[in-house]
């Protein structure tokens, strides 16, 4: 005996057929969605690449530490040549004293000196001192060589020269003679560490 399908059973049967058709038609689409999921091969490759980068960074850590220590030693060696003053006025006073000693040993006569305002240069303060000195060309050369070879870093930032005439007494002849000297106006600088703040 044939049985008739009720409206409810017909709706369920049509729904099941529609779901099967949807599943079979959407299968390529679902496979692409599955590739984007947490177990996809592409995501695995990306995560593997990130892990490899971390491993390389960890492997370089010892080399980077050694390089940082080497650079730290180089910085400390260079900073040993800084002026010893902890503040700009103390460093400027020390620089003035050094310049007087270098000028005296070279035979150069300092006529005037002036401390200029310090200038910030990255992690350091530049301490400038301006001097006006007279002497012959040889004493001036000896002074510049002494400044350049100083154990403490001193740089000549600005140098202006002009010839000046002066009268010099000659005891043997009891007369005066004119002597040509060089007058040098120069700005010399030293460095100190900037205050950490």
N, C-alpha and C. Protein backbone atom coordinates (compact mmCIF):
# COMPACT_ATOMS: atom_id res chain seq x y z
N UNK A 1 0.80 -1.15 0.00
CA UNK A 1 0.00 0.00 0.00
C UNK A 1 0.88 1.25 0.00
N UNK A 2 0.54 2.11 -0.90
CA UNK A 2 1.34 3.32 -1.00
C UNK A 2 0.88 4.33 0.03
N UNK A 3 1.85 4.90 0.60
CA UNK A 3 1.58 5.87 1.65
C UNK A 3 1.85 7.25 1.11
N UNK A 4 1.08 8.22 1.47
CA UNK A 4 1.28 9.57 1.01
C UNK A 4 2.21 10.29 1.97
N UNK A 5 2.96 11.21 1.42
CA UNK A 5 3.92 11.97 2.23
C UNK A 5 3.20 13.20 2.72
N UNK A 6 3.36 13.41 3.99
CA UNK A 6 2.73 14.58 4.58
C UNK A 6 3.51 15.83 4.19
N UNK A 7 2.91 16.95 4.39
CA UNK A 7 3.55 18.24 4.05
C UNK A 7 4.82 18.44 4.88
N UNK A 8 4.78 18.01 6.07
CA UNK A 8 5.94 18.16 6.94
C UNK A 8 7.09 17.29 6.47
N UNK A 9 6.82 16.06 6.12
CA UNK A 9 7.85 15.14 5.64
C UNK A 9 8.41 15.63 4.31
N UNK A 10 7.52 16.17 3.45
CA UNK A 10 7.95 16.71 2.17
C UNK A 10 8.93 17.87 2.39
N UNK A 11 8.65 18.74 3.32
CA UNK A 11 9.51 19.89 3.60
C UNK A 11 10.86 19.42 4.12
N UNK A 12 10.85 18.40 4.98
CA UNK A 12 12.11 17.86 5.51
C UNK A 12 12.93 17.22 4.39
N UNK A 13 12.25 16.48 3.51
CA UNK A 13 12.94 15.82 2.42
C UNK A 13 13.56 16.86 1.46
N UNK A 14 12.81 17.88 1.14
CA UNK A 14 13.32 18.94 0.27
C UNK A 14 14.49 19.67 0.93
N UNK A 15 14.39 19.87 2.23
CA UNK A 15 15.49 20.52 2.96
C UNK A 15 16.76 19.69 2.92
N UNK A 16 16.62 18.36 3.08
CA UNK A 16 17.77 17.47 3.05
C UNK A 16 18.41 17.48 1.67
N UNK A 17 17.58 17.44 0.60
CA UNK A 17 18.10 17.47 -0.77
C UNK A 17 18.83 18.80 -1.01
N UNK A 18 18.26 19.88 -0.53
CA UNK A 18 18.88 21.20 -0.71
C UNK A 18 20.22 21.28 0.02
N UNK A 19 20.28 20.72 1.21
CA UNK A 19 21.55 20.71 1.97
C UNK A 19 22.61 19.88 1.25
N UNK A 20 22.21 18.74 0.68
CA UNK A 20 23.18 17.91 -0.07
C UNK A 20 23.69 18.67 -1.29
N UNK A 21 22.78 19.31 -2.00
CA UNK A 21 23.19 20.07 -3.18
C UNK A 21 24.10 21.22 -2.78
N UNK A 22 23.78 21.89 -1.71
CA UNK A 22 24.60 23.01 -1.22
C UNK A 22 25.99 22.53 -0.81
N UNK A 23 26.04 21.39 -0.13
CA UNK A 23 27.32 20.85 0.31
C UNK A 23 28.19 20.48 -0.89
N UNK A 24 27.61 19.78 -1.87
CA UNK A 24 28.37 19.36 -3.04
C UNK A 24 28.79 20.56 -3.90
N UNK A 25 27.95 21.58 -3.99
CA UNK A 25 28.28 22.76 -4.78
C UNK A 25 29.29 23.65 -4.07
N UNK A 26 29.27 23.64 -2.78
CA UNK A 26 30.15 24.53 -2.01
C UNK A 26 31.44 23.86 -1.58
N UNK A 27 31.66 22.64 -2.02
CA UNK A 27 32.85 21.92 -1.58
C UNK A 27 34.17 22.65 -1.94
N UNK A 28 34.36 23.17 -3.19
CA UNK A 28 35.60 23.91 -3.49
C UNK A 28 35.75 25.16 -2.61
N UNK A 29 34.64 25.81 -2.38
CA UNK A 29 34.67 27.00 -1.52
C UNK A 29 35.09 26.64 -0.09
N UNK A 30 34.55 25.52 0.42
CA UNK A 30 34.90 25.09 1.79
C UNK A 30 36.37 24.68 1.89
N UNK A 31 36.90 24.09 0.80
CA UNK A 31 38.31 23.69 0.86
C UNK A 31 39.22 24.92 0.92
N UNK A 32 38.81 26.01 0.20
CA UNK A 32 39.60 27.25 0.29
C UNK A 32 39.50 27.86 1.68
N UNK A 33 38.36 27.80 2.30
CA UNK A 33 38.21 28.31 3.66
C UNK A 33 39.07 27.49 4.62
N UNK A 34 39.14 26.17 4.37
CA UNK A 34 39.94 25.31 5.23
C UNK A 34 41.43 25.68 5.14
N UNK A 35 41.87 26.16 3.94
CA UNK A 35 43.27 26.57 3.80
C UNK A 35 43.59 27.78 4.66
N UNK A 36 42.61 28.60 4.93
CA UNK A 36 42.83 29.79 5.75
C UNK A 36 42.76 29.47 7.24
N UNK A 37 42.37 28.30 7.58
CA UNK A 37 42.20 27.92 8.99
C UNK A 37 43.52 27.75 9.70
N UNK A 38 43.46 27.44 11.01
CA UNK A 38 44.68 27.34 11.82
C UNK A 38 45.59 26.19 11.41
N UNK A 39 45.08 25.21 10.66
CA UNK A 39 45.93 24.08 10.27
C UNK A 39 46.36 24.17 8.80
N UNK A 40 46.24 25.33 8.22
CA UNK A 40 46.57 25.46 6.81
C UNK A 40 48.08 25.39 6.60
N UNK A 41 48.47 24.97 5.42
CA UNK A 41 49.89 24.88 5.09
C UNK A 41 50.55 26.24 4.98
N UNK A 42 49.83 27.22 4.45
CA UNK A 42 50.40 28.56 4.30
C UNK A 42 50.67 29.19 5.67
N UNK A 43 49.73 29.05 6.57
CA UNK A 43 49.92 29.60 7.91
C UNK A 43 51.08 28.90 8.60
N UNK A 44 51.20 27.59 8.37
CA UNK A 44 52.31 26.85 8.96
C UNK A 44 53.64 27.36 8.42
N UNK A 45 53.70 27.63 7.10
CA UNK A 45 54.94 28.13 6.51
C UNK A 45 55.30 29.50 7.07
N UNK A 46 54.29 30.37 7.25
CA UNK A 46 54.55 31.70 7.82
C UNK A 46 55.06 31.60 9.25
N UNK A 47 54.43 30.74 10.03
CA UNK A 47 54.87 30.57 11.43
C UNK A 47 56.26 29.96 11.48
N UNK A 48 56.56 29.05 10.57
CA UNK A 48 57.90 28.45 10.53
C UNK A 48 58.95 29.51 10.20
N UNK A 49 58.60 30.43 9.29
CA UNK A 49 59.53 31.49 8.93
C UNK A 49 59.80 32.40 10.13
N UNK A 50 58.76 32.74 10.89
CA UNK A 50 58.93 33.58 12.09
C UNK A 50 59.79 32.87 13.12
N UNK A 51 59.56 31.59 13.29
CA UNK A 51 60.35 30.81 14.27
C UNK A 51 61.81 30.75 13.83
N UNK A 52 62.05 30.59 12.52
CA UNK A 52 63.43 30.58 12.02
C UNK A 52 64.12 31.92 12.28
N UNK A 53 63.38 33.03 12.10
CA UNK A 53 63.95 34.35 12.37
C UNK A 53 64.31 34.49 13.85
N UNK A 54 63.43 34.00 14.74
CA UNK A 54 63.75 34.03 16.18
C UNK A 54 64.98 33.19 16.48
N UNK A 55 65.09 32.04 15.85
CA UNK A 55 66.25 31.18 16.09
C UNK A 55 67.54 31.86 15.63
N UNK A 56 67.48 32.55 14.47
CA UNK A 56 68.66 33.27 13.99
C UNK A 56 69.04 34.39 14.95
N UNK A 57 68.03 35.08 15.49
CA UNK A 57 68.30 36.17 16.43
C UNK A 57 68.95 35.62 17.70
N UNK A 58 68.45 34.49 18.17
CA UNK A 58 69.02 33.88 19.37
C UNK A 58 70.44 33.41 19.09
N UNK A 59 70.68 32.89 17.89
CA UNK A 59 72.03 32.42 17.55
C UNK A 59 73.00 33.60 17.44
N UNK A 60 72.51 34.78 17.03
CA UNK A 60 73.37 35.95 16.91
C UNK A 60 73.58 36.66 18.24
N UNK A 61 72.85 36.27 19.27
CA UNK A 61 72.91 36.99 20.55
C UNK A 61 74.33 37.05 21.12
N UNK A 62 75.04 35.96 21.09
CA UNK A 62 76.40 35.94 21.65
C UNK A 62 77.32 36.87 20.85
N UNK A 63 77.20 36.84 19.53
CA UNK A 63 78.01 37.72 18.70
C UNK A 63 77.68 39.18 18.93
N UNK A 64 76.38 39.47 19.07
CA UNK A 64 75.96 40.85 19.32
C UNK A 64 76.44 41.34 20.68
N UNK A 65 76.41 40.45 21.67
CA UNK A 65 76.91 40.83 23.00
C UNK A 65 78.39 41.16 22.94
N UNK A 66 79.16 40.32 22.25
CA UNK A 66 80.60 40.56 22.13
C UNK A 66 80.86 41.87 21.38
N UNK A 67 80.06 42.14 20.34
CA UNK A 67 80.22 43.39 19.59
C UNK A 67 79.87 44.60 20.46
N UNK A 68 78.80 44.47 21.26
CA UNK A 68 78.42 45.58 22.16
C UNK A 68 79.51 45.84 23.19
N UNK A 69 80.11 44.79 23.73
CA UNK A 69 81.20 44.96 24.70
C UNK A 69 82.42 45.61 24.05
N UNK A 70 82.72 45.21 22.81
CA UNK A 70 83.85 45.81 22.09
C UNK A 70 83.62 47.30 21.84
N UNK A 71 82.40 47.64 21.42
CA UNK A 71 82.07 49.05 21.19
C UNK A 71 82.12 49.83 22.50
N UNK A 72 81.65 49.21 23.58
CA UNK A 72 81.72 49.85 24.90
C UNK A 72 83.15 50.15 25.32
N UNK A 73 84.06 49.21 25.05
CA UNK A 73 85.47 49.44 25.37
C UNK A 73 86.06 50.56 24.52
N UNK A 74 85.68 50.61 23.24
CA UNK A 74 86.17 51.69 22.37
C UNK A 74 85.67 53.04 22.84
N UNK A 75 84.41 53.11 23.23
CA UNK A 75 83.84 54.37 23.73
C UNK A 75 84.57 54.80 25.01
N UNK A 76 84.80 53.84 25.91
CA UNK A 76 85.50 54.16 27.16
C UNK A 76 86.92 54.65 26.87
N UNK A 77 87.59 54.05 25.89
CA UNK A 77 88.95 54.50 25.54
C UNK A 77 88.93 55.92 24.98
N UNK A 78 87.94 56.21 24.15
CA UNK A 78 87.85 57.56 23.60
C UNK A 78 87.45 58.58 24.68
N UNK A 79 86.58 58.15 25.60
CA UNK A 79 86.14 59.07 26.65
C UNK A 79 87.23 59.34 27.68
N UNK A 80 88.28 58.54 27.67
CA UNK A 80 89.41 58.83 28.56
C UNK A 80 90.11 60.12 28.14
N UNK A 81 89.89 60.56 26.89
CA UNK A 81 90.49 61.79 26.40
C UNK A 81 89.61 63.02 26.62
N UNK A 82 88.50 62.86 27.33
CA UNK A 82 87.64 64.00 27.62
C UNK A 82 88.23 64.86 28.73
N UNK A 83 87.79 66.11 28.80
CA UNK A 83 88.22 66.99 29.89
C UNK A 83 87.74 66.42 31.22
N UNK A 84 88.52 66.57 32.29
CA UNK A 84 88.14 65.95 33.56
C UNK A 84 87.04 66.66 34.35
N UNK A 85 86.65 67.85 33.98
CA UNK A 85 85.63 68.57 34.74
C UNK A 85 84.26 67.94 34.62
N UNK A 86 83.52 67.91 35.72
CA UNK A 86 82.18 67.33 35.71
C UNK A 86 81.14 68.33 35.22
N UNK A 87 81.43 69.61 35.32
CA UNK A 87 80.52 70.65 34.88
C UNK A 87 81.24 71.53 33.86
N UNK A 88 80.50 72.27 33.03
CA UNK A 88 81.15 73.12 32.03
C UNK A 88 82.13 74.15 32.62
N UNK A 89 81.82 74.82 33.73
CA UNK A 89 82.81 75.77 34.27
C UNK A 89 84.12 75.10 34.71
N UNK A 90 84.00 73.92 35.35
CA UNK A 90 85.22 73.21 35.78
C UNK A 90 86.03 72.74 34.58
N UNK A 91 85.33 72.24 33.57
CA UNK A 91 86.03 71.79 32.36
C UNK A 91 86.69 72.96 31.64
N UNK A 92 86.03 74.11 31.59
CA UNK A 92 86.61 75.29 30.94
C UNK A 92 87.85 75.76 31.68
N UNK A 93 87.81 75.74 33.02
CA UNK A 93 88.97 76.14 33.81
C UNK A 93 90.14 75.18 33.55
N UNK A 94 89.84 73.89 33.49
CA UNK A 94 90.89 72.90 33.21
C UNK A 94 91.46 73.12 31.80
N UNK A 95 90.61 73.42 30.83
CA UNK A 95 91.07 73.66 29.47
C UNK A 95 91.96 74.90 29.42
N UNK A 96 91.59 75.96 30.14
CA UNK A 96 92.42 77.17 30.19
C UNK A 96 93.80 76.85 30.76
N UNK A 97 93.84 76.09 31.84
CA UNK A 97 95.11 75.72 32.46
C UNK A 97 95.98 74.93 31.49
N UNK A 98 95.38 73.98 30.81
CA UNK A 98 96.14 73.17 29.83
C UNK A 98 96.69 74.04 28.70
N UNK A 99 95.86 74.96 28.21
CA UNK A 99 96.30 75.82 27.11
C UNK A 99 97.46 76.72 27.55
N UNK A 100 97.41 77.23 28.79
CA UNK A 100 98.52 78.05 29.30
C UNK A 100 99.81 77.25 29.37
N UNK A 101 99.73 76.01 29.85
CA UNK A 101 100.92 75.16 29.94
C UNK A 101 101.48 74.87 28.54
N UNK A 102 100.58 74.55 27.60
CA UNK A 102 101.04 74.27 26.23
C UNK A 102 101.66 75.51 25.59
N UNK A 103 101.07 76.68 25.83
CA UNK A 103 101.61 77.92 25.27
C UNK A 103 102.97 78.24 25.89
N UNK A 104 103.09 78.06 27.21
CA UNK A 104 104.37 78.31 27.87
C UNK A 104 105.46 77.39 27.34
N UNK A 105 105.14 76.11 27.17
CA UNK A 105 106.16 75.17 26.70
C UNK A 105 106.53 75.45 25.24
N UNK A 106 105.61 76.03 24.46
CA UNK A 106 105.92 76.35 23.07
C UNK A 106 106.57 77.72 22.92
N UNK A 107 106.52 78.55 23.96
CA UNK A 107 107.09 79.89 23.89
C UNK A 107 106.11 80.92 23.35
N UNK A 108 104.84 80.60 23.35
CA UNK A 108 103.81 81.49 22.85
C UNK A 108 103.26 82.30 24.02
N UNK A 109 103.01 83.58 23.82
CA UNK A 109 102.51 84.44 24.89
C UNK A 109 101.02 84.67 24.70
N UNK A 110 100.21 84.22 25.68
CA UNK A 110 98.77 84.43 25.63
C UNK A 110 98.47 85.82 26.17
N UNK A 111 97.84 86.65 25.35
CA UNK A 111 97.50 88.01 25.76
C UNK A 111 96.12 88.08 26.41
N UNK A 112 95.17 87.30 25.90
CA UNK A 112 93.83 87.31 26.49
C UNK A 112 93.17 85.96 26.25
N UNK A 113 92.22 85.66 27.11
CA UNK A 113 91.47 84.42 26.98
C UNK A 113 90.04 84.66 27.44
N UNK A 114 89.13 83.89 26.85
CA UNK A 114 87.71 84.08 27.15
C UNK A 114 87.00 82.73 27.03
N UNK A 115 86.20 82.41 28.04
CA UNK A 115 85.40 81.19 28.00
C UNK A 115 84.10 81.51 27.28
N UNK A 116 83.80 80.74 26.24
CA UNK A 116 82.57 80.94 25.48
C UNK A 116 81.49 79.97 25.98
N UNK A 117 80.26 80.20 25.55
CA UNK A 117 79.14 79.34 25.97
C UNK A 117 79.32 77.93 25.41
N UNK A 118 79.03 76.93 26.25
CA UNK A 118 79.17 75.55 25.80
C UNK A 118 78.04 75.19 24.83
N UNK A 119 78.32 74.18 24.00
CA UNK A 119 77.38 73.75 22.97
C UNK A 119 77.14 72.25 23.13
N UNK A 120 75.86 71.84 23.07
CA UNK A 120 75.54 70.41 23.19
C UNK A 120 75.75 69.74 21.85
N UNK A 121 76.51 68.66 21.86
CA UNK A 121 76.77 67.85 20.67
C UNK A 121 76.44 66.40 21.00
N UNK A 122 75.23 65.98 20.70
CA UNK A 122 74.74 64.63 21.00
C UNK A 122 74.89 64.33 22.49
N UNK A 123 75.72 63.36 22.85
CA UNK A 123 75.87 62.98 24.26
C UNK A 123 76.97 63.77 24.95
N UNK A 124 77.52 64.78 24.29
CA UNK A 124 78.66 65.52 24.84
C UNK A 124 78.38 67.02 24.85
N UNK A 125 79.15 67.72 25.67
CA UNK A 125 79.13 69.18 25.67
C UNK A 125 80.48 69.66 25.15
N UNK A 126 80.43 70.57 24.21
CA UNK A 126 81.64 71.16 23.65
C UNK A 126 81.96 72.41 24.47
N UNK A 127 83.17 72.46 25.03
CA UNK A 127 83.60 73.57 25.88
C UNK A 127 84.59 74.42 25.10
N UNK A 128 84.17 75.60 24.61
CA UNK A 128 85.09 76.43 23.83
C UNK A 128 85.77 77.51 24.67
N UNK A 129 87.05 77.73 24.38
CA UNK A 129 87.83 78.81 24.99
C UNK A 129 88.50 79.57 23.85
N UNK A 130 88.37 80.89 23.89
CA UNK A 130 88.98 81.73 22.86
C UNK A 130 90.22 82.39 23.45
N UNK A 131 91.33 82.32 22.72
CA UNK A 131 92.56 82.97 23.18
C UNK A 131 93.13 83.84 22.07
N UNK A 132 93.86 84.85 22.48
CA UNK A 132 94.65 85.67 21.56
C UNK A 132 96.09 85.56 22.05
N UNK A 133 96.97 85.11 21.15
CA UNK A 133 98.36 84.86 21.54
C UNK A 133 99.29 85.42 20.48
N UNK A 134 100.49 85.78 20.91
CA UNK A 134 101.50 86.29 19.98
C UNK A 134 102.79 85.50 20.10
N UNK A 135 103.49 85.45 19.01
CA UNK A 135 104.78 84.77 18.96
C UNK A 135 105.21 84.67 17.51
N UNK A 136 106.40 84.14 17.31
CA UNK A 136 106.83 83.98 15.93
C UNK A 136 106.18 82.73 15.33
N UNK A 137 106.41 82.51 14.07
CA UNK A 137 105.75 81.42 13.37
C UNK A 137 106.14 80.05 13.94
N UNK A 138 107.39 79.94 14.40
CA UNK A 138 107.85 78.67 14.97
C UNK A 138 107.14 78.35 16.29
N UNK A 139 107.00 79.35 17.16
CA UNK A 139 106.31 79.09 18.44
C UNK A 139 104.84 78.78 18.20
N UNK A 140 104.25 79.43 17.22
CA UNK A 140 102.86 79.14 16.89
C UNK A 140 102.71 77.71 16.38
N UNK A 141 103.63 77.30 15.53
CA UNK A 141 103.60 75.93 15.02
C UNK A 141 103.79 74.93 16.15
N UNK A 142 104.72 75.20 17.07
CA UNK A 142 104.95 74.30 18.20
C UNK A 142 103.71 74.20 19.09
N UNK A 143 103.01 75.32 19.27
CA UNK A 143 101.79 75.31 20.07
C UNK A 143 100.71 74.45 19.40
N UNK A 144 100.53 74.62 18.10
CA UNK A 144 99.50 73.85 17.39
C UNK A 144 99.83 72.36 17.42
N UNK A 145 101.11 72.01 17.25
CA UNK A 145 101.51 70.60 17.32
C UNK A 145 101.26 70.04 18.72
N UNK A 146 101.56 70.84 19.76
CA UNK A 146 101.32 70.40 21.14
C UNK A 146 99.83 70.20 21.40
N UNK A 147 98.99 71.08 20.86
CA UNK A 147 97.53 70.94 21.03
C UNK A 147 97.05 69.67 20.34
N UNK A 148 97.50 69.44 19.12
CA UNK A 148 97.06 68.27 18.35
C UNK A 148 97.52 66.95 18.98
N UNK A 149 98.68 66.96 19.65
CA UNK A 149 99.19 65.72 20.24
C UNK A 149 98.88 65.60 21.73
N UNK A 150 98.03 66.46 22.24
CA UNK A 150 97.66 66.42 23.66
C UNK A 150 96.93 65.12 24.00
N UNK A 151 97.20 64.60 25.20
CA UNK A 151 96.51 63.38 25.64
C UNK A 151 95.02 63.63 25.83
N UNK A 152 94.66 64.83 26.22
CA UNK A 152 93.26 65.22 26.34
C UNK A 152 92.84 65.82 25.01
N UNK A 153 91.66 65.45 24.54
CA UNK A 153 91.19 65.94 23.25
C UNK A 153 90.97 67.44 23.29
N UNK A 154 91.72 68.16 22.44
CA UNK A 154 91.56 69.60 22.25
C UNK A 154 91.59 69.82 20.74
N UNK A 155 90.59 70.50 20.23
CA UNK A 155 90.54 70.77 18.79
C UNK A 155 90.57 72.27 18.55
N UNK A 156 91.22 72.66 17.48
CA UNK A 156 91.22 74.06 17.07
C UNK A 156 90.01 74.25 16.17
N UNK A 157 89.04 75.01 16.66
CA UNK A 157 87.80 75.20 15.92
C UNK A 157 87.89 76.38 14.95
N UNK A 158 88.62 77.40 15.35
CA UNK A 158 88.73 78.60 14.53
C UNK A 158 90.11 79.20 14.75
N UNK A 159 90.74 79.69 13.68
CA UNK A 159 92.08 80.26 13.79
C UNK A 159 92.20 81.42 12.80
N UNK A 160 92.54 82.59 13.34
CA UNK A 160 92.80 83.78 12.51
C UNK A 160 94.18 84.29 12.84
N UNK A 161 94.97 84.56 11.80
CA UNK A 161 96.34 85.04 11.98
C UNK A 161 96.49 86.43 11.37
N UNK A 162 97.33 87.22 12.01
CA UNK A 162 97.71 88.50 11.41
C UNK A 162 99.11 88.84 11.89
N UNK A 163 99.81 89.54 11.04
CA UNK A 163 101.18 89.94 11.38
C UNK A 163 101.13 91.23 12.17
N UNK A 164 101.95 91.30 13.23
CA UNK A 164 102.05 92.52 14.04
C UNK A 164 103.53 92.86 14.19
N UNK A 165 103.80 94.15 14.23
CA UNK A 165 105.18 94.61 14.42
C UNK A 165 105.32 95.07 15.86
N UNK A 166 106.45 94.75 16.42
CA UNK A 166 106.75 95.24 17.77
C UNK A 166 108.21 95.66 17.82
N UNK A 167 108.47 96.52 18.78
CA UNK A 167 109.86 96.97 18.96
C UNK A 167 110.50 96.13 20.04
N UNK A 168 111.70 95.68 19.75
CA UNK A 168 112.44 94.85 20.71
C UNK A 168 113.79 95.50 20.97
N UNK A 169 114.12 95.59 22.28
CA UNK A 169 115.40 96.20 22.66
C UNK A 169 116.51 95.18 22.47
N UNK A 170 117.58 95.62 21.82
CA UNK A 170 118.76 94.77 21.60
C UNK A 170 119.85 95.29 22.52
N UNK A 171 120.19 94.54 23.61
CA UNK A 171 121.16 95.04 24.59
C UNK A 171 122.56 95.27 24.03
N UNK A 172 122.98 94.45 23.07
CA UNK A 172 124.34 94.58 22.53
C UNK A 172 124.54 95.93 21.84
N UNK A 173 123.54 96.36 21.12
CA UNK A 173 123.67 97.62 20.39
C UNK A 173 122.98 98.78 21.09
N UNK A 174 122.32 98.50 22.17
CA UNK A 174 121.57 99.49 22.92
C UNK A 174 120.61 100.28 22.02
N UNK A 175 119.94 99.51 21.18
CA UNK A 175 118.97 100.14 20.29
C UNK A 175 117.74 99.23 20.15
N UNK A 176 116.76 99.77 19.53
CA UNK A 176 115.54 99.00 19.29
C UNK A 176 115.49 98.54 17.84
N UNK A 177 114.92 97.38 17.66
CA UNK A 177 114.72 96.87 16.31
C UNK A 177 113.26 96.43 16.18
N UNK A 178 112.76 96.48 14.99
CA UNK A 178 111.38 96.06 14.77
C UNK A 178 111.36 94.58 14.45
N UNK A 179 110.45 93.88 15.11
CA UNK A 179 110.31 92.43 14.94
C UNK A 179 108.89 92.16 14.45
N UNK A 180 108.76 91.30 13.44
CA UNK A 180 107.44 90.89 12.96
C UNK A 180 107.02 89.63 13.71
N UNK A 181 105.91 89.69 14.39
CA UNK A 181 105.35 88.55 15.09
C UNK A 181 104.01 88.18 14.46
N UNK A 182 103.52 87.01 14.84
CA UNK A 182 102.20 86.58 14.42
C UNK A 182 101.27 86.70 15.63
N UNK A 183 100.10 87.27 15.40
CA UNK A 183 99.08 87.29 16.45
C UNK A 183 97.98 86.32 16.00
N UNK A 184 97.74 85.34 16.85
CA UNK A 184 96.75 84.30 16.53
C UNK A 184 95.54 84.47 17.44
N UNK A 185 94.40 84.58 16.83
CA UNK A 185 93.14 84.56 17.58
C UNK A 185 92.50 83.22 17.26
N UNK A 186 92.35 82.38 18.28
CA UNK A 186 91.84 81.04 18.01
C UNK A 186 90.83 80.60 19.05
N UNK A 187 89.92 79.76 18.60
CA UNK A 187 88.94 79.14 19.49
C UNK A 187 89.29 77.66 19.57
N UNK A 188 89.52 77.21 20.78
CA UNK A 188 89.88 75.81 21.00
C UNK A 188 88.77 75.16 21.83
N UNK A 189 88.47 73.91 21.55
CA UNK A 189 87.38 73.24 22.25
C UNK A 189 87.84 71.90 22.82
N UNK A 190 87.22 71.56 23.95
CA UNK A 190 87.36 70.24 24.55
C UNK A 190 85.96 69.69 24.77
N UNK A 191 85.87 68.45 25.17
CA UNK A 191 84.55 67.81 25.36
C UNK A 191 84.42 67.24 26.75
N UNK A 192 83.18 67.26 27.27
CA UNK A 192 82.83 66.51 28.47
C UNK A 192 81.53 65.78 28.18
N UNK A 193 81.21 64.78 29.01
CA UNK A 193 79.93 64.08 28.86
C UNK A 193 78.81 65.01 29.27
N UNK A 194 77.73 64.95 28.54
CA UNK A 194 76.55 65.73 28.88
C UNK A 194 75.89 65.12 30.11
N UNK A 195 75.21 65.95 30.91
CA UNK A 195 74.53 65.42 32.08
C UNK A 195 73.45 64.46 31.61
N UNK A 196 73.38 63.33 32.26
CA UNK A 196 72.31 62.38 31.92
C UNK A 196 71.05 62.80 32.61
N UNK A 197 69.98 62.88 31.87
CA UNK A 197 68.75 63.34 32.49
C UNK A 197 67.57 62.83 31.89
